[in-house]
C-alpha atoms as a PDB file:
ATOM      1  CA  MET A   1      -0.040   0.088  -0.083  1.00  0.00           C
ATOM      2  CA  THR A   2       1.337   3.380  -1.036  1.00  0.00           C
ATOM      3  CA  ASP A   3       2.213   5.785   2.083  1.00  0.00           C
ATOM      4  CA  THR A   4      -0.022   9.110   1.453  1.00  0.00           C
ATOM      5  CA  THR A   5       1.653  11.108   4.365  1.00  0.00           C
ATOM      6  CA  ARG A   6       3.754  13.829   3.559  1.00  0.00           C
ATOM      7  CA  ASP A   7       7.515  13.737   4.677  1.00  0.00           C
ATOM      8  CA  ILE A   8       7.592  16.783   6.842  1.00  0.00           C
ATOM      9  CA  ARG A   9      11.207  16.428   8.295  1.00  0.00           C
ATOM     10  CA  PRO A  10      12.845  19.918   7.771  1.00  0.00           C
ATOM     11  CA  PRO A  11      15.796  19.985   5.402  1.00  0.00           C
ATOM     12  CA  VAL A  12      19.296  19.777   6.888  1.00  0.00           C
ATOM     13  CA  GLY A  13      20.384  22.995   8.106  1.00  0.00           C
ATOM     14  CA  ARG A  14      23.871  24.626   6.564  1.00  0.00           C
ATOM     15  CA  ILE A  15      24.576  26.370   9.815  1.00  0.00           C
ATOM     16  CA  PRO A  16      25.378  23.952  12.913  1.00  0.00           C
ATOM     17  CA  ASN A  17      23.550  25.170  15.977  1.00  0.00           C
ATOM     18  CA  GLY A  18      26.835  25.569  17.720  1.00  0.00           C
ATOM     19  CA  ASP A  19      27.886  28.209  14.991  1.00  0.00           C
ATOM     20  CA  VAL A  20      24.207  30.236  15.133  1.00  0.00           C
ATOM     21  CA  PRO A  21      25.556  32.874  17.839  1.00  0.00           C
ATOM     22  CA  ASN A  22      28.575  33.731  15.358  1.00  0.00           C
ATOM     23  CA  THR A  23      26.578  33.580  12.240  1.00  0.00           C
ATOM     24  CA  ILE A  24      24.024  36.213  13.808  1.00  0.00           C
ATOM     25  CA  GLU A  25      26.883  38.357  15.286  1.00  0.00           C
ATOM     26  CA  ARG A  26      28.521  38.404  11.648  1.00  0.00           C
ATOM     27  CA  MET A  27      24.963  39.120   9.894  1.00  0.00           C
ATOM     28  CA  ARG A  28      24.448  41.988  12.380  1.00  0.00           C
ATOM     29  CA  ALA A  29      27.858  43.437  11.608  1.00  0.00           C
ATOM     30  CA  GLY A  30      26.495  43.730   8.017  1.00  0.00           C
ATOM     31  CA  GLU A  31      28.482  40.616   6.561  1.00  0.00           C
ATOM     32  CA  ARG A  32      26.392  39.733   3.368  1.00  0.00           C
ATOM     33  CA  ARG A  33      27.326  36.217   3.264  1.00  0.00           C
ATOM     34  CA  ALA A  34      25.862  35.907   6.695  1.00  0.00           C
ATOM     35  CA  ILE A  35      22.853  37.568   5.858  1.00  0.00           C
ATOM     36  CA  ALA A  36      22.430  35.402   2.857  1.00  0.00           C
ATOM     37  CA  SER A  37      22.929  32.172   4.701  1.00  0.00           C
ATOM     38  CA  VAL A  38      20.523  32.900   7.383  1.00  0.00           C
ATOM     39  CA  ILE A  39      17.907  33.990   5.127  1.00  0.00           C
ATOM     40  CA  THR A  40      18.343  30.622   3.214  1.00  0.00           C
ATOM     41  CA  GLU A  41      17.889  28.620   6.128  1.00  0.00           C
ATOM     42  CA  LEU A  42      14.840  30.665   7.198  1.00  0.00           C
ATOM     43  CA  GLU A  43      13.356  30.333   3.664  1.00  0.00           C
ATOM     44  CA  ARG A  44      13.913  26.402   3.673  1.00  0.00           C
ATOM     45  CA  LEU A  45      12.846  26.210   7.237  1.00  0.00           C
ATOM     46  CA  SER A  46      15.594  24.065   7.614  1.00  0.00           C
ATOM     47  CA  ASP A  47      16.401  22.284  11.080  1.00  0.00           C
ATOM     48  CA  SER A  48      18.729  25.362  11.969  1.00  0.00           C
ATOM     49  CA  ALA A  49      15.873  27.598  11.915  1.00  0.00           C
ATOM     50  CA  PRO A  50      14.452  27.399  15.301  1.00  0.00           C
ATOM     51  CA  ALA A  51      17.847  28.198  16.881  1.00  0.00           C
ATOM     52  CA  LEU A  52      18.249  31.113  14.201  1.00  0.00           C
ATOM     53  CA  LEU A  53      14.945  32.540  15.006  1.00  0.00           C
ATOM     54  CA  LYS A  54      15.482  32.314  18.773  1.00  0.00           C
ATOM     55  CA  ALA A  55      18.837  33.986  18.471  1.00  0.00           C
ATOM     56  CA  LEU A  56      17.349  36.806  16.189  1.00  0.00           C
ATOM     57  CA  ASN A  57      14.328  37.362  18.544  1.00  0.00           C
ATOM     58  CA  PRO A  58      16.219  39.828  20.826  1.00  0.00           C
ATOM     59  CA  HIS A  59      17.131  42.008  17.644  1.00  0.00           C
ATOM     60  CA  LEU A  60      13.523  42.170  16.022  1.00  0.00           C
ATOM     61  CA  GLY A  61      11.437  45.283  15.987  1.00  0.00           C
ATOM     62  CA  HIS A  62      13.615  48.035  14.471  1.00  0.00           C
ATOM     63  CA  SER A  63      12.723  47.864  10.877  1.00  0.00           C
ATOM     64  CA  LEU A  64       9.728  49.426   8.849  1.00  0.00           C
ATOM     65  CA  VAL A  65       7.926  47.243   6.674  1.00  0.00           C
ATOM     66  CA  LEU A  66       6.776  48.759   3.571  1.00  0.00           C
ATOM     67  CA  GLY A  67       4.412  46.652   1.311  1.00  0.00           C
ATOM     68  CA  PHE A  68       3.983  47.338  -2.409  1.00  0.00           C
ATOM     69  CA  THR A  69       1.130  45.672  -4.338  1.00  0.00           C
ATOM     70  CA  GLY A  70      -1.255  46.299  -7.261  1.00  0.00           C
ATOM     71  CA  PRO A  71      -2.214  44.926 -10.788  1.00  0.00           C
ATOM     72  CA  PRO A  72       0.651  43.799 -13.003  1.00  0.00           C
ATOM     73  CA  GLY A  73       1.963  46.383 -15.204  1.00  0.00           C
ATOM     74  CA  ALA A  74       1.701  49.276 -12.972  1.00  0.00           C
ATOM     75  CA  GLY A  75       5.537  49.487 -12.848  1.00  0.00           C
ATOM     76  CA  LYS A  76       5.989  48.283  -9.066  1.00  0.00           C
ATOM     77  CA  SER A  77       9.604  47.246  -9.443  1.00  0.00           C
ATOM     78  CA  THR A  78      10.621  50.135 -11.186  1.00  0.00           C
ATOM     79  CA  LEU A  79       9.167  52.544  -8.574  1.00  0.00           C
ATOM     80  CA  VAL A  80      10.443  50.251  -5.729  1.00  0.00           C
ATOM     81  CA  ASN A  81      14.023  50.931  -7.536  1.00  0.00           C
ATOM     82  CA  ALA A  82      13.300  54.751  -7.543  1.00  0.00           C
ATOM     83  CA  ILE A  83      12.379  54.452  -3.700  1.00  0.00           C
ATOM     84  CA  ILE A  84      15.591  52.544  -2.986  1.00  0.00           C
ATOM     85  CA  ALA A  85      17.695  55.202  -4.747  1.00  0.00           C
ATOM     86  CA  GLU A  86      16.096  57.984  -2.643  1.00  0.00           C
ATOM     87  CA  MET A  87      16.298  56.178   0.566  1.00  0.00           C
ATOM     88  CA  ARG A  88      19.921  55.618  -0.133  1.00  0.00           C
ATOM     89  CA  LYS A  89      20.599  59.176  -0.418  1.00  0.00           C
ATOM     90  CA  ASP A  90      19.215  59.705   3.250  1.00  0.00           C
ATOM     91  CA  GLY A  91      21.453  57.246   4.294  1.00  0.00           C
ATOM     92  CA  LYS A  92      18.923  54.317   5.195  1.00  0.00           C
ATOM     93  CA  THR A  93      20.033  50.752   4.727  1.00  0.00           C
ATOM     94  CA  VAL A  94      17.374  48.977   2.579  1.00  0.00           C
ATOM     95  CA  GLY A  95      16.233  45.183   2.720  1.00  0.00           C
ATOM     96  CA  VAL A  96      14.306  44.234  -0.437  1.00  0.00           C
ATOM     97  CA  ILE A  97      12.061  40.705  -0.912  1.00  0.00           C
ATOM     98  CA  ALA A  98      10.741  40.778  -4.224  1.00  0.00           C
ATOM     99  CA  VAL A  99       8.071  37.998  -4.610  1.00  0.00           C
ATOM    100  CA  ASP A 100       7.989  36.653  -7.966  1.00  0.00           C
ATOM    101  CA  PRO A 101       5.667  34.245  -9.450  1.00  0.00           C
ATOM    102  CA  SER A 102       6.555  30.618  -8.999  1.00  0.00           C
ATOM    103  CA  SER A 103       7.230  28.231 -11.946  1.00  0.00           C
ATOM    104  CA  PRO A 104       4.502  25.615 -12.191  1.00  0.00           C
ATOM    105  CA  ILE A 105       7.220  23.185 -12.958  1.00  0.00           C
ATOM    106  CA  SER A 106      10.176  23.805 -10.436  1.00  0.00           C
ATOM    107  CA  GLY A 107       8.309  25.904  -7.961  1.00  0.00           C
ATOM    108  CA  GLY A 108      11.202  28.458  -8.323  1.00  0.00           C
ATOM    109  CA  ALA A 109      11.059  32.193  -8.750  1.00  0.00           C
ATOM    110  CA  ILE A 110      11.701  33.842 -12.217  1.00  0.00           C
ATOM    111  CA  LEU A 111      13.871  36.441 -10.480  1.00  0.00           C
ATOM    112  CA  GLY A 112      12.481  39.193 -12.902  1.00  0.00           C
ATOM    113  CA  ASP A 113      12.350  41.877 -10.390  1.00  0.00           C
ATOM    114  CA  ARG A 114      16.046  42.034  -9.669  1.00  0.00           C
ATOM    115  CA  ILE A 115      16.606  42.785 -13.343  1.00  0.00           C
ATOM    116  CA  ARG A 116      14.794  46.126 -12.829  1.00  0.00           C
ATOM    117  CA  MET A 117      16.309  47.132  -9.303  1.00  0.00           C
ATOM    118  CA  THR A 118      19.364  48.579 -10.665  1.00  0.00           C
ATOM    119  CA  ALA A 119      19.739  50.737  -7.550  1.00  0.00           C
ATOM    120  CA  ALA A 120      20.875  47.887  -5.589  1.00  0.00           C
ATOM    121  CA  LEU A 121      23.546  46.829  -7.754  1.00  0.00           C
ATOM    122  CA  ASP A 122      26.990  47.039  -6.041  1.00  0.00           C
ATOM    123  CA  ASP A 123      25.640  48.920  -3.069  1.00  0.00           C
ATOM    124  CA  ASP A 124      26.494  47.304   0.441  1.00  0.00           C
ATOM    125  CA  GLY A 125      23.612  49.163   1.946  1.00  0.00           C
ATOM    126  CA  VAL A 126      20.920  47.191   0.004  1.00  0.00           C
ATOM    127  CA  PHE A 127      20.102  43.540   0.241  1.00  0.00           C
ATOM    128  CA  VAL A 128      17.647  42.165  -2.385  1.00  0.00           C
ATOM    129  CA  ARG A 129      16.098  38.704  -1.954  1.00  0.00           C
ATOM    130  CA  SER A 130      13.710  37.062  -4.446  1.00  0.00           C
ATOM    131  CA  LEU A 131      11.154  34.925  -3.167  1.00  0.00           C
ATOM    132  CA  ALA A 132       8.876  32.386  -4.987  1.00  0.00           C
ATOM    133  CA  SER A 133       5.135  32.848  -4.356  1.00  0.00           C
ATOM    134  CA  ARG A 134       5.054  28.974  -4.046  1.00  0.00           C
ATOM    135  CA  GLY A 135       1.402  29.344  -5.462  1.00  0.00           C
ATOM    136  CA  TYR A 136      -0.314  31.265  -2.498  1.00  0.00           C
ATOM    137  CA  LEU A 137      -3.285  33.222  -3.870  1.00  0.00           C
ATOM    138  CA  GLY A 138      -2.457  35.931  -1.585  1.00  0.00           C
ATOM    139  CA  GLY A 139       0.649  36.929  -3.224  1.00  0.00           C
ATOM    140  CA  LEU A 140       2.807  35.901  -0.439  1.00  0.00           C
ATOM    141  CA  SER A 141       4.234  32.597   0.799  1.00  0.00           C
ATOM    142  CA  PRO A 142       4.968  32.214   4.887  1.00  0.00           C
ATOM    143  CA  ALA A 143       8.350  32.553   4.028  1.00  0.00           C
ATOM    144  CA  ALA A 144       8.228  36.190   3.244  1.00  0.00           C
ATOM    145  CA  VAL A 145       7.689  36.698   7.229  1.00  0.00           C
ATOM    146  CA  ARG A 146      10.690  34.872   8.286  1.00  0.00           C
ATOM    147  CA  ILE A 147      12.930  36.717   5.498  1.00  0.00           C
ATOM    148  CA  ILE A 148      11.320  39.716   7.251  1.00  0.00           C
ATOM    149  CA  ASP A 149      12.690  38.622  10.548  1.00  0.00           C
ATOM    150  CA  ALA A 150      16.194  37.957   9.084  1.00  0.00           C
ATOM    151  CA  MET A 151      16.456  41.355   7.426  1.00  0.00           C
ATOM    152  CA  ASP A 152      14.935  43.095  10.707  1.00  0.00           C
ATOM    153  CA  GLY A 153      17.620  41.189  12.746  1.00  0.00           C
ATOM    154  CA  ALA A 154      20.268  42.145  10.244  1.00  0.00           C
ATOM    155  CA  GLY A 155      19.450  45.822  11.201  1.00  0.00           C
ATOM    156  CA  PHE A 156      18.022  47.102   8.069  1.00  0.00           C
ATOM    157  CA  ASP A 157      16.256  50.481   8.627  1.00  0.00           C
ATOM    158  CA  VAL A 158      13.408  49.727   5.899  1.00  0.00           C
ATOM    159  CA  ILE A 159      12.228  46.583   4.364  1.00  0.00           C
ATOM    160  CA  LEU A 160      10.443  46.765   0.947  1.00  0.00           C
ATOM    161  CA  LEU A 161       8.154  43.963   0.247  1.00  0.00           C
ATOM    162  CA  GLU A 162       7.086  43.596  -3.237  1.00  0.00           C
ATOM    163  CA  THR A 163       4.424  41.316  -4.167  1.00  0.00           C
ATOM    164  CA  VAL A 164       3.587  39.455  -7.336  1.00  0.00           C
ATOM    165  CA  GLY A 165       0.669  41.608  -8.702  1.00  0.00           C
ATOM    166  CA  THR A 166      -1.901  38.952  -9.434  1.00  0.00           C
ATOM    167  CA  GLY A 167      -4.927  41.411  -8.948  1.00  0.00           C
ATOM    168  CA  GLN A 168      -7.565  41.907  -5.997  1.00  0.00           C
ATOM    169  CA  ASN A 169      -7.032  38.519  -4.133  1.00  0.00           C
ATOM    170  CA  GLU A 170      -3.420  39.539  -3.273  1.00  0.00           C
ATOM    171  CA  ILE A 171      -4.128  41.045   0.041  1.00  0.00           C
ATOM    172  CA  ASP A 172      -1.829  38.809   2.366  1.00  0.00           C
ATOM    173  CA  VAL A 173       0.525  41.947   2.475  1.00  0.00           C
ATOM    174  CA  ALA A 174      -2.023  43.710   4.836  1.00  0.00           C
ATOM    175  CA  GLU A 175      -1.164  41.201   7.561  1.00  0.00           C
ATOM    176  CA  VAL A 176       2.612  41.393   6.847  1.00  0.00           C
ATOM    177  CA  ALA A 177       3.407  44.987   6.109  1.00  0.00           C
ATOM    178  CA  ASP A 178       3.381  48.029   8.670  1.00  0.00           C
ATOM    179  CA  ILE A 179       2.542  50.358   5.742  1.00  0.00           C
ATOM    180  CA  ARG A 180       0.627  49.048   2.582  1.00  0.00           C
ATOM    181  CA  VAL A 181       1.156  51.031  -0.685  1.00  0.00           C
ATOM    182  CA  VAL A 182      -0.982  50.047  -3.716  1.00  0.00           C
ATOM    183  CA  ILE A 183       0.095  50.841  -7.114  1.00  0.00           C
ATOM    184  CA  ALA A 184      -1.868  51.413 -10.263  1.00  0.00           C
ATOM    185  CA  ALA A 185      -1.245  53.013 -13.419  1.00  0.00           C
ATOM    186  CA  PRO A 186      -3.249  54.861 -16.133  1.00  0.00           C
ATOM    187  CA  GLY A 187      -4.571  52.448 -18.835  1.00  0.00           C
ATOM    188  CA  LEU A 188      -4.995  49.501 -17.040  1.00  0.00           C
ATOM    189  CA  GLY A 189      -8.960  49.161 -17.363  1.00  0.00           C
ATOM    190  CA  ASP A 190     -10.508  46.194 -15.782  1.00  0.00           C
ATOM    191  CA  ASP A 191      -7.515  45.978 -13.167  1.00  0.00           C
ATOM    192  CA  ILE A 192      -8.680  49.421 -11.677  1.00  0.00           C
ATOM    193  CA  GLN A 193     -12.246  48.171 -11.466  1.00  0.00           C
ATOM    194  CA  ALA A 194     -10.703  44.862  -9.596  1.00  0.00           C
ATOM    195  CA  MET A 195      -8.873  46.981  -7.313  1.00  0.00           C
ATOM    196  CA  LYS A 196     -12.006  48.993  -6.355  1.00  0.00           C
ATOM    197  CA  SER A 197     -13.427  45.721  -4.924  1.00  0.00           C
ATOM    198  CA  GLY A 198     -10.317  44.366  -3.244  1.00  0.00           C
ATOM    199  CA  LEU A 199      -6.919  46.199  -3.052  1.00  0.00           C
ATOM    200  CA  LEU A 200      -8.174  49.219  -1.890  1.00  0.00           C
ATOM    201  CA  GLU A 201      -9.837  47.991   1.369  1.00  0.00           C
ATOM    202  CA  ILE A 202      -5.856  47.447   2.375  1.00  0.00           C
ATOM    203  CA  ALA A 203      -4.175  50.581   1.094  1.00  0.00           C
ATOM    204  CA  ASP A 204      -2.474  53.116   3.372  1.00  0.00           C
ATOM    205  CA  VAL A 205      -1.172  54.889   0.290  1.00  0.00           C
ATOM    206  CA  ILE A 206      -2.514  54.622  -3.036  1.00  0.00           C
ATOM    207  CA  VAL A 207       0.119  55.652  -5.951  1.00  0.00           C
ATOM    208  CA  VAL A 208      -0.711  56.138  -9.662  1.00  0.00           C
ATOM    209  CA  ASN A 209       2.450  55.390 -11.342  1.00  0.00           C
ATOM    210  CA  LYS A 210       3.438  56.354 -14.672  1.00  0.00           C
ATOM    211  CA  GLY A 211       1.867  59.604 -14.236  1.00  0.00           C
ATOM    212  CA  ASP A 212       3.255  61.179 -17.391  1.00  0.00           C
ATOM    213  CA  ARG A 213       0.717  58.997 -19.408  1.00  0.00           C
ATOM    214  CA  PRO A 214      -2.426  60.095 -20.622  1.00  0.00           C
ATOM    215  CA  GLY A 215      -5.528  59.546 -18.345  1.00  0.00           C
ATOM    216  CA  ALA A 216      -3.308  59.361 -15.274  1.00  0.00           C
ATOM    217  CA  ASP A 217      -5.203  62.497 -13.712  1.00  0.00           C
ATOM    218  CA  GLN A 218      -8.563  60.468 -14.491  1.00  0.00           C
ATOM    219  CA  THR A 219      -7.335  57.466 -12.721  1.00  0.00           C
ATOM    220  CA  MET A 220      -6.350  59.459  -9.607  1.00  0.00           C
ATOM    221  CA  HIS A 221     -10.088  61.069  -9.626  1.00  0.00           C
ATOM    222  CA  GLN A 222     -11.493  57.249 -10.160  1.00  0.00           C
ATOM    223  CA  LEU A 223      -9.410  55.756  -7.096  1.00  0.00           C
ATOM    224  CA  ALA A 224     -10.012  58.953  -4.903  1.00  0.00           C
ATOM    225  CA  GLY A 225     -13.732  58.468  -5.593  1.00  0.00           C
ATOM    226  CA  ALA A 226     -13.696  54.837  -4.952  1.00  0.00           C
ATOM    227  CA  LEU A 227     -11.925  55.575  -1.434  1.00  0.00           C
ATOM    228  CA  SER A 228     -14.768  58.231  -0.799  1.00  0.00           C
ATOM    229  CA  ILE A 229     -17.491  55.496  -0.353  1.00  0.00           C
ATOM    230  CA  ARG A 230     -15.216  53.166   1.697  1.00  0.00           C
ATOM    231  CA  ALA A 231     -17.235  52.416   4.713  1.00  0.00           C
ATOM    232  CA  THR A 232     -14.333  51.619   6.854  1.00  0.00           C
ATOM    233  CA  MET A 233     -12.099  54.389   6.346  1.00  0.00           C
ATOM    234  CA  ALA A 234     -10.926  55.827   9.269  1.00  0.00           C
ATOM    235  CA  GLU A 235      -9.256  58.439   7.805  1.00  0.00           C
ATOM    236  CA  LYS A 236      -8.390  59.855   4.236  1.00  0.00           C
ATOM    237  CA  VAL A 237      -5.887  57.660   2.224  1.00  0.00           C
ATOM    238  CA  PRO A 238      -3.583  59.962   0.089  1.00  0.00           C
ATOM    239  CA  VAL A 239      -3.508  59.510  -3.647  1.00  0.00           C
ATOM    240  CA  LEU A 240      -0.303  60.382  -5.068  1.00  0.00           C
ATOM    241  CA  LYS A 241       0.781  60.486  -8.885  1.00  0.00           C
ATOM    242  CA  THR A 242       4.680  59.237  -9.601  1.00  0.00           C
ATOM    243  CA  SER A 243       6.669  58.540 -12.606  1.00  0.00           C
ATOM    244  CA  ALA A 244       9.293  56.005 -11.588  1.00  0.00           C
ATOM    245  CA  LEU A 245      11.416  56.224 -14.723  1.00  0.00           C
ATOM    246  CA  ASN A 246      12.014  60.144 -14.265  1.00  0.00           C
ATOM    247  CA  GLY A 247      11.534  60.475 -10.291  1.00  0.00           C
ATOM    248  CA  ASP A 248       8.780  62.636 -10.545  1.00  0.00           C
ATOM    249  CA  GLY A 249       6.678  62.552  -7.506  1.00  0.00           C
ATOM    250  CA  VAL A 250       8.851  59.908  -5.641  1.00  0.00           C
ATOM    251  CA  PRO A 251      10.306  62.434  -2.822  1.00  0.00           C
ATOM    252  CA  GLU A 252       6.597  63.303  -2.044  1.00  0.00           C
ATOM    253  CA  LEU A 253       5.734  59.652  -1.719  1.00  0.00           C
ATOM    254  CA  LEU A 254       8.750  59.306   0.694  1.00  0.00           C
ATOM    255  CA  LYS A 255       7.815  62.070   2.661  1.00  0.00           C
ATOM    256  CA  THR A 256       4.177  60.570   3.063  1.00  0.00           C
ATOM    257  CA  LEU A 257       5.387  57.370   4.132  1.00  0.00           C
ATOM    258  CA  ALA A 258       7.738  58.715   6.466  1.00  0.00           C
ATOM    259  CA  ASP A 259       5.010  60.695   8.179  1.00  0.00           C
ATOM    260  CA  ILE A 260       3.000  57.598   8.419  1.00  0.00           C
ATOM    261  CA  GLY A 261       6.003  55.535   9.754  1.00  0.00           C
ATOM    262  CA  THR A 262       6.478  58.020  12.350  1.00  0.00           C
ATOM    263  CA  ARG A 263       3.091  56.835  13.670  1.00  0.00           C
ATOM    264  CA  VAL A 264       3.812  53.198  13.407  1.00  0.00           C
ATOM    265  CA  HIS A 265       7.070  53.394  15.011  1.00  0.00           C
ATOM    266  CA  ALA A 266       5.177  55.042  17.879  1.00  0.00           C
ATOM    267  CA  ALA A 267       3.090  51.841  18.336  1.00  0.00           C
ATOM    268  CA  ASP A 268       4.130  48.821  20.253  1.00  0.00           C
ATOM    269  CA  PRO A 269       6.573  46.813  18.085  1.00  0.00           C
ATOM    270  CA  VAL A 270       5.435  43.779  19.698  1.00  0.00           C
ATOM    271  CA  SER A 271       1.941  44.374  18.301  1.00  0.00           C
ATOM    272  CA  ARG A 272       3.176  44.632  14.641  1.00  0.00           C
ATOM    273  CA  ARG A 273       5.183  41.440  15.032  1.00  0.00           C
ATOM    274  CA  ARG A 274       2.243  39.874  16.597  1.00  0.00           C
ATOM    275  CA  ARG A 275       0.212  40.471  13.489  1.00  0.00           C
ATOM    276  CA  ARG A 276       2.610  38.761  11.385  1.00  0.00           C
ATOM    277  CA  ALA A 277       2.658  35.754  13.856  1.00  0.00           C
ATOM    278  CA  ARG A 278      -1.177  35.570  13.475  1.00  0.00           C
ATOM    279  CA  TYR A 279      -0.766  35.257   9.517  1.00  0.00           C
ATOM    280  CA  LEU A 280       1.619  32.493  10.106  1.00  0.00           C
ATOM    281  CA  ILE A 281      -0.759  30.733  12.277  1.00  0.00           C
ATOM    282  CA  ALA A 282      -3.455  30.993   9.929  1.00  0.00           C
ATOM    283  CA  ARG A 283      -1.446  29.771   6.819  1.00  0.00           C
ATOM    284  CA  ALA A 284      -0.312  26.865   8.749  1.00  0.00           C
ATOM    285  CA  ALA A 285      -3.836  25.900   9.648  1.00  0.00           C
ATOM    286  CA  SER A 286      -4.786  26.534   6.105  1.00  0.00           C
ATOM    287  CA  ASP A 287      -1.957  24.050   4.916  1.00  0.00           C
ATOM    288  CA  ILE A 288      -2.922  21.472   7.279  1.00  0.00           C
ATOM    289  CA  VAL A 289      -6.404  21.647   6.220  1.00  0.00           C
ATOM    290  CA  ALA A 290      -5.462  21.455   2.526  1.00  0.00           C
ATOM    291  CA  GLU A 291      -3.010  18.477   3.074  1.00  0.00           C
ATOM    292  CA  ARG A 292      -5.738  16.426   4.980  1.00  0.00           C
ATOM    293  CA  ILE A 293      -8.274  17.377   2.124  1.00  0.00           C
ATOM    294  CA  LYS A 294      -5.967  15.595  -0.503  1.00  0.00           C
ATOM    295  CA  VAL A 295      -5.793  12.321   1.485  1.00  0.00           C
ATOM    296  CA  GLY A 296      -8.337   9.981   0.232  1.00  0.00           C
ATOM    297  CA  GLY A 297      -9.143   6.347   1.132  1.00  0.00           C
ATOM    298  CA  PRO A 298     -10.660   4.912   4.386  1.00  0.00           C
ATOM    299  CA  SER A 299      -7.991   6.981   6.595  1.00  0.00           C
ATOM    300  CA  GLY A 300      -8.657  10.190   4.895  1.00  0.00           C
ATOM    301  CA  LEU A 301     -11.505  12.307   3.561  1.00  0.00           C
ATOM    302  CA  ASP A 302     -13.503   9.614   1.960  1.00  0.00           C
ATOM    303  CA  PRO A 303     -15.657   8.473   5.120  1.00  0.00           C
ATOM    304  CA  LEU A 304     -16.424  12.235   5.574  1.00  0.00           C
ATOM    305  CA  ALA A 305     -17.485  12.636   2.103  1.00  0.00           C
ATOM    306  CA  ASP A 306     -19.803   9.356   2.291  1.00  0.00           C
ATOM    307  CA  ALA A 307     -21.355  10.967   5.347  1.00  0.00           C
ATOM    308  CA  VAL A 308     -22.183  14.238   3.567  1.00  0.00           C
ATOM    309  CA  LEU A 309     -23.583  12.207   0.543  1.00  0.00           C
ATOM    310  CA  SER A 310     -25.907  10.109   2.821  1.00  0.00           C
ATOM    311  CA  GLY A 311     -27.017  13.061   4.589  1.00  0.00           C
ATOM    312  CA  THR A 312     -25.698  12.235   7.963  1.00  0.00           C
ATOM    313  CA  LEU A 313     -23.458  15.057   8.145  1.00  0.00           C
ATOM    314  CA  SER A 314     -23.667  18.510   6.535  1.00  0.00           C
ATOM    315  CA  PRO A 315     -20.597  19.847   4.914  1.00  0.00           C
ATOM    316  CA  HIS A 316     -19.883  22.287   7.784  1.00  0.00           C
ATOM    317  CA  GLU A 317     -20.008  19.813  10.269  1.00  0.00           C
ATOM    318  CA  ALA A 318     -17.752  17.347   8.248  1.00  0.00           C
ATOM    319  CA  ALA A 319     -15.352  20.553   8.040  1.00  0.00           C
ATOM    320  CA  LYS A 320     -15.089  20.728  11.579  1.00  0.00           C
ATOM    321  CA  ARG A 321     -14.309  17.134  12.075  1.00  0.00           C
ATOM    322  CA  LEU A 322     -11.174  17.903  10.124  1.00  0.00           C
ATOM    323  CA  PHE A 323      -9.820  19.374  12.857  1.00  0.00           C
ATOM    324  CA  ASP A 324     -10.567  16.610  15.547  1.00  0.00           C
END
C-alpha cells in the first residue's frame, strides 16, 4: 500500500547550532554572506531555523516594513527601484523582498524583479532577495515573514516587500507590512475596477505610477472616488502620482511614507510582530487542512465525503471534524 503521508521533516541546515551565535553576530555586523545564509535557512525552514529565530528574537522590531502591491503592469519594481535610490540618498539601509510568480514546473521564482532594481547593484546598503510565491493566492508565502525577521535582525532601517501583482486577491500584504502601498497606472482598465473591490480595502497609500501618461489624472480621480465611499475608512488615504522612470513624485511619496512611519514606530513593536505571527498561524492551519483534504481512502477524507452524501453530516460539520 502506498504511504500517502507527506514527509514533513525539515531539510538539514547548513548552519550548525553551535555556529548560530557567531553567524548572527556576523550578520548584524553587515556581512552579506552571513545575511544570505540566514535568509536561506529561514526560507527553507531547515532544522537550523528554530535556533536562528530564537537568536534573532532580541534584535527584532527595528525595521519599518513597507508593502507594495497592485495589478501587473503598474510598474511596481521600477517604482521600488526609485524608492531605494532616494532612501539611500538619506543614508537608510534597505532590505528588499521581491516576490515573483512561481514556476509551475520547478516551483522556483523567475527573479525578474532583480533585473529592474538597478539601484541595488554594488551597494552594500541594499540587500535584495527574490522569493517564489509558491502558489499562494494571497501573493505571499509564509517564508516572506521569516525573511522579514532575518532582515530586521540584520539591522536594515527599512524593508520593502514587493508582491507578485496578481490582482484583487493579493491582500496577504495587509497582514505582513506596517504600511501598505497600492500601485496603479493609467490605462489598466479592468484591473482598476478589480482594485476597487479588493486592494483598496487594505491601502494606506495609493500611488498612480506612470503619471506622465495620458489618463493619469482621471485614474487618480477614479481611485479617490472609490475611497470616498469606503465604509471602513478611518482617515483619508492619500492618492499620489509618480513617474518612476524620471523620479517625479517619488520624494513626495517618501515624505508621506515617513509621516505614516513615524506613527507606526510610535506603536508597540510587539503588536506589529504579533500581526505577522497571526498570519503565520492562519497559513499553517490552512496548509494542514489542505493536506488532509488531499488524502483519500478509508483513513482520509472519503468517510466524511460519504457521510455528507448520505445526509448524516452537513458539509459544515464534516469540515469541523477535520480538526478533530
